[in-house]
Amino acid sequence: MKRLREDFNRAFESLSRRVDALGARLGIIAEGSFREGMRGVVEEVFGVGEVRRWVYYDDKGEVLGYPSVIEVDLLIRDRTHVLVEVKASTSDSDVSKLWRVGKLYERVVGIKPELVIITPFIDRGGLRTAKELGVKVYTKT
């Protein structure tokens, strides 16, 4: 498990550096492009696992308080599932939402996921909430 976490950490750190370079060149961060880059790096370069999108209709409104479609990036390696949210800017409400998505995922799939947010900016409230809820944050600070 420790080695798996180290592999994920190295993959995300490398990915973060590449995204920073891309953002500097283009002046923008496109979430869709970022996801495709993440998929390529994680699956092809590092061979860490599988990256896909988890889409689920939350008919009970567990995440947003009303029925809605929930979408989140999902990395799977062996029995470890990691939900990844890519945000241009992140606050405590974004962290809380990912935590609720994680609870929904655990209930539906039966596996407790690790939770990760990748963001170039997160406010103090977001960092505090992430620490309290056990959400890993990858950012440039």
C-alpha atoms as a PDB file:
ATOM      1  CA  MET A   1       0.000   0.000   0.000  1.00  0.00           C
ATOM      2  CA  LYS A   2       2.880   2.353   0.853  1.00  0.00           C
ATOM      3  CA  ARG A   3       4.534   1.684  -2.516  1.00  0.00           C
ATOM      4  CA  LEU A   4       1.247   2.314  -4.307  1.00  0.00           C
ATOM      5  CA  ARG A   5       0.847   5.655  -2.552  1.00  0.00           C
ATOM      6  CA  GLU A   6       4.432   6.579  -3.434  1.00  0.00           C
ATOM      7  CA  ASP A   7       3.769   5.674  -7.091  1.00  0.00           C
ATOM      8  CA  PHE A   8       0.651   7.877  -7.134  1.00  0.00           C
ATOM      9  CA  ASN A   9       2.527  10.726  -5.444  1.00  0.00           C
ATOM     10  CA  ARG A  10       5.364  10.570  -7.992  1.00  0.00           C
ATOM     11  CA  ALA A  11       2.885  10.414 -10.876  1.00  0.00           C
ATOM     12  CA  PHE A  12       0.920  13.414  -9.626  1.00  0.00           C
ATOM     13  CA  GLU A  13       4.036  15.459  -8.861  1.00  0.00           C
ATOM     14  CA  SER A  14       5.355  14.819 -12.362  1.00  0.00           C
ATOM     15  CA  LEU A  15       1.959  15.622 -13.824  1.00  0.00           C
ATOM     16  CA  SER A  16       1.773  18.847 -11.835  1.00  0.00           C
ATOM     17  CA  ARG A  17       5.117  20.027 -13.214  1.00  0.00           C
ATOM     18  CA  ARG A  18       3.993  19.271 -16.756  1.00  0.00           C
ATOM     19  CA  VAL A  19       0.727  21.134 -16.282  1.00  0.00           C
ATOM     20  CA  ASP A  20       2.555  24.151 -14.844  1.00  0.00           C
ATOM     21  CA  ALA A  21       4.733  24.230 -17.965  1.00  0.00           C
ATOM     22  CA  LEU A  22       1.700  23.909 -20.222  1.00  0.00           C
ATOM     23  CA  GLY A  23      -0.155  26.650 -18.359  1.00  0.00           C
ATOM     24  CA  ALA A  24       2.845  28.966 -18.597  1.00  0.00           C
ATOM     25  CA  ARG A  25       3.096  28.422 -22.354  1.00  0.00           C
ATOM     26  CA  LEU A  26      -0.588  28.764 -23.126  1.00  0.00           C
ATOM     27  CA  GLY A  27      -1.672  31.081 -20.351  1.00  0.00           C
ATOM     28  CA  ILE A  28      -4.657  28.805 -19.594  1.00  0.00           C
ATOM     29  CA  ILE A  29      -5.440  25.489 -18.000  1.00  0.00           C
ATOM     30  CA  ALA A  30      -8.097  23.545 -19.868  1.00  0.00           C
ATOM     31  CA  GLU A  31      -9.574  20.899 -17.593  1.00  0.00           C
ATOM     32  CA  GLY A  32     -10.427  18.527 -20.439  1.00  0.00           C
ATOM     33  CA  SER A  33      -6.914  18.682 -21.830  1.00  0.00           C
ATOM     34  CA  PHE A  34      -5.508  18.272 -18.353  1.00  0.00           C
ATOM     35  CA  ARG A  35      -7.552  15.121 -17.811  1.00  0.00           C
ATOM     36  CA  GLU A  36      -6.337  13.624 -21.067  1.00  0.00           C
ATOM     37  CA  GLY A  37      -2.761  14.478 -20.113  1.00  0.00           C
ATOM     38  CA  MET A  38      -3.271  12.907 -16.716  1.00  0.00           C
ATOM     39  CA  ARG A  39      -4.676   9.786 -18.312  1.00  0.00           C
ATOM     40  CA  GLY A  40      -1.701   9.483 -20.643  1.00  0.00           C
ATOM     41  CA  VAL A  41       0.911  10.058 -17.955  1.00  0.00           C
ATOM     42  CA  VAL A  42      -0.659   7.745 -15.398  1.00  0.00           C
ATOM     43  CA  GLU A  43      -1.607   4.913 -17.745  1.00  0.00           C
ATOM     44  CA  GLU A  44       1.069   5.012 -20.422  1.00  0.00           C
ATOM     45  CA  VAL A  45       4.130   6.650 -18.903  1.00  0.00           C
ATOM     46  CA  PHE A  46       3.939   5.329 -15.354  1.00  0.00           C
ATOM     47  CA  GLY A  47       1.804   2.241 -15.974  1.00  0.00           C
ATOM     48  CA  VAL A  48       0.162   2.959 -12.627  1.00  0.00           C
ATOM     49  CA  GLY A  49      -3.352   1.856 -13.460  1.00  0.00           C
ATOM     50  CA  GLU A  50      -6.515   2.883 -15.235  1.00  0.00           C
ATOM     51  CA  VAL A  51      -7.967   6.384 -15.483  1.00  0.00           C
ATOM     52  CA  ARG A  52     -11.620   6.903 -16.341  1.00  0.00           C
ATOM     53  CA  ARG A  53     -14.633   9.029 -15.535  1.00  0.00           C
ATOM     54  CA  TRP A  54     -17.143   7.837 -12.909  1.00  0.00           C
ATOM     55  CA  VAL A  55     -20.635   9.091 -13.708  1.00  0.00           C
ATOM     56  CA  TYR A  56     -23.549   8.336 -11.393  1.00  0.00           C
ATOM     57  CA  TYR A  57     -27.075   9.681 -11.029  1.00  0.00           C
ATOM     58  CA  ASP A  58     -27.435  10.686  -7.376  1.00  0.00           C
ATOM     59  CA  ASP A  59     -31.202  10.290  -7.127  1.00  0.00           C
ATOM     60  CA  LYS A  60     -31.202  10.888  -3.347  1.00  0.00           C
ATOM     61  CA  GLY A  61     -29.306  14.182  -3.571  1.00  0.00           C
ATOM     62  CA  GLU A  62     -26.528  13.022  -1.254  1.00  0.00           C
ATOM     63  CA  VAL A  63     -23.887  15.251  -2.860  1.00  0.00           C
ATOM     64  CA  LEU A  64     -25.649  18.472  -3.885  1.00  0.00           C
ATOM     65  CA  GLY A  65     -28.816  18.267  -1.805  1.00  0.00           C
ATOM     66  CA  TYR A  66     -31.000  17.496  -4.813  1.00  0.00           C
ATOM     67  CA  PRO A  67     -30.976  14.741  -7.472  1.00  0.00           C
ATOM     68  CA  SER A  68     -28.162  15.288  -9.972  1.00  0.00           C
ATOM     69  CA  VAL A  69     -25.583  13.613 -12.174  1.00  0.00           C
ATOM     70  CA  ILE A  70     -22.239  13.314 -10.405  1.00  0.00           C
ATOM     71  CA  GLU A  71     -19.010  13.087 -12.421  1.00  0.00           C
ATOM     72  CA  VAL A  72     -15.467  12.642 -11.140  1.00  0.00           C
ATOM     73  CA  ASP A  73     -12.168  11.313 -12.480  1.00  0.00           C
ATOM     74  CA  LEU A  74     -11.249   7.872 -11.155  1.00  0.00           C
ATOM     75  CA  LEU A  75      -7.854   6.179 -10.984  1.00  0.00           C
ATOM     76  CA  ILE A  76      -7.801   2.460 -10.280  1.00  0.00           C
ATOM     77  CA  ARG A  77      -4.792   0.309  -9.497  1.00  0.00           C
ATOM     78  CA  ASP A  78      -5.243  -3.122  -8.055  1.00  0.00           C
ATOM     79  CA  ARG A  79      -7.812  -2.593  -5.285  1.00  0.00           C
ATOM     80  CA  THR A  80      -7.071   1.081  -4.700  1.00  0.00           C
ATOM     81  CA  HIS A  81      -9.554   3.597  -6.085  1.00  0.00           C
ATOM     82  CA  VAL A  82      -8.696   7.299  -6.153  1.00  0.00           C
ATOM     83  CA  LEU A  83     -11.266   9.986  -6.955  1.00  0.00           C
ATOM     84  CA  VAL A  84      -9.567  13.014  -8.522  1.00  0.00           C
ATOM     85  CA  GLU A  85     -11.054  16.467  -8.937  1.00  0.00           C
ATOM     86  CA  VAL A  86      -9.256  18.936 -11.209  1.00  0.00           C
ATOM     87  CA  LYS A  87     -10.134  22.545 -10.422  1.00  0.00           C
ATOM     88  CA  ALA A  88      -8.717  25.872 -11.614  1.00  0.00           C
ATOM     89  CA  SER A  89      -9.508  27.318  -8.186  1.00  0.00           C
ATOM     90  CA  THR A  90     -10.570  25.463  -5.052  1.00  0.00           C
ATOM     91  CA  SER A  91     -12.392  26.468  -1.857  1.00  0.00           C
ATOM     92  CA  ASP A  92     -13.703  24.615   1.179  1.00  0.00           C
ATOM     93  CA  SER A  93     -17.017  23.950  -0.575  1.00  0.00           C
ATOM     94  CA  ASP A  94     -15.194  22.177  -3.435  1.00  0.00           C
ATOM     95  CA  VAL A  95     -13.318  19.999  -0.940  1.00  0.00           C
ATOM     96  CA  SER A  96     -16.537  19.212   0.935  1.00  0.00           C
ATOM     97  CA  LYS A  97     -18.265  18.282  -2.309  1.00  0.00           C
ATOM     98  CA  LEU A  98     -15.490  15.833  -3.245  1.00  0.00           C
ATOM     99  CA  TRP A  99     -15.721  14.318   0.244  1.00  0.00           C
ATOM    100  CA  ARG A 100     -19.485  13.792  -0.248  1.00  0.00           C
ATOM    101  CA  VAL A 101     -18.820  12.272  -3.689  1.00  0.00           C
ATOM    102  CA  GLY A 102     -16.377   9.914  -1.961  1.00  0.00           C
ATOM    103  CA  LYS A 103     -19.059   8.853   0.526  1.00  0.00           C
ATOM    104  CA  LEU A 104     -21.501   8.248  -2.343  1.00  0.00           C
ATOM    105  CA  TYR A 105     -18.902   6.258  -4.268  1.00  0.00           C
ATOM    106  CA  GLU A 106     -18.190   4.121  -1.202  1.00  0.00           C
ATOM    107  CA  ARG A 107     -21.894   3.399  -0.718  1.00  0.00           C
ATOM    108  CA  VAL A 108     -22.527   2.584  -4.401  1.00  0.00           C
ATOM    109  CA  VAL A 109     -19.330   0.728  -5.305  1.00  0.00           C
ATOM    110  CA  GLY A 110     -18.472  -0.718  -1.909  1.00  0.00           C
ATOM    111  CA  ILE A 111     -14.878   0.562  -1.916  1.00  0.00           C
ATOM    112  CA  LYS A 112     -13.652   3.506   0.155  1.00  0.00           C
ATOM    113  CA  PRO A 113     -11.733   5.742  -2.253  1.00  0.00           C
ATOM    114  CA  GLU A 114      -8.795   7.989  -1.621  1.00  0.00           C
ATOM    115  CA  LEU A 115      -9.644  11.607  -2.467  1.00  0.00           C
ATOM    116  CA  VAL A 116      -7.371  13.968  -4.410  1.00  0.00           C
ATOM    117  CA  ILE A 117      -7.750  17.533  -5.658  1.00  0.00           C
ATOM    118  CA  ILE A 118      -5.354  18.969  -8.240  1.00  0.00           C
ATOM    119  CA  THR A 119      -5.506  22.753  -8.370  1.00  0.00           C
ATOM    120  CA  PRO A 120      -3.213  25.707  -9.037  1.00  0.00           C
ATOM    121  CA  PHE A 121      -5.026  27.720  -6.327  1.00  0.00           C
ATOM    122  CA  ILE A 122      -6.694  26.717  -3.064  1.00  0.00           C
ATOM    123  CA  ASP A 123      -7.716  29.150  -0.337  1.00  0.00           C
ATOM    124  CA  ARG A 124      -6.935  28.716   3.367  1.00  0.00           C
ATOM    125  CA  GLY A 125     -10.410  27.407   4.113  1.00  0.00           C
ATOM    126  CA  GLY A 126     -10.000  24.788   1.419  1.00  0.00           C
ATOM    127  CA  LEU A 127      -6.647  23.655   2.806  1.00  0.00           C
ATOM    128  CA  ARG A 128      -8.083  23.467   6.325  1.00  0.00           C
ATOM    129  CA  THR A 129     -11.112  21.483   5.170  1.00  0.00           C
ATOM    130  CA  ALA A 130      -8.948  19.129   3.093  1.00  0.00           C
ATOM    131  CA  LYS A 131      -6.791  18.387   6.124  1.00  0.00           C
ATOM    132  CA  GLU A 132      -9.831  17.769   8.333  1.00  0.00           C
ATOM    133  CA  LEU A 133     -11.533  15.486   5.791  1.00  0.00           C
ATOM    134  CA  GLY A 134      -8.419  13.621   4.650  1.00  0.00           C
ATOM    135  CA  VAL A 135      -8.411  14.963   1.087  1.00  0.00           C
ATOM    136  CA  LYS A 136      -4.953  15.107  -0.530  1.00  0.00           C
ATOM    137  CA  VAL A 137      -4.282  18.389  -2.327  1.00  0.00           C
ATOM    138  CA  TYR A 138      -1.724  18.828  -5.104  1.00  0.00           C
ATOM    139  CA  THR A 139      -1.019  22.490  -5.670  1.00  0.00           C
ATOM    140  CA  LYS A 140       1.820  24.882  -6.149  1.00  0.00           C
ATOM    141  CA  THR A 141       2.240  26.651  -2.805  1.00  0.00           C
END
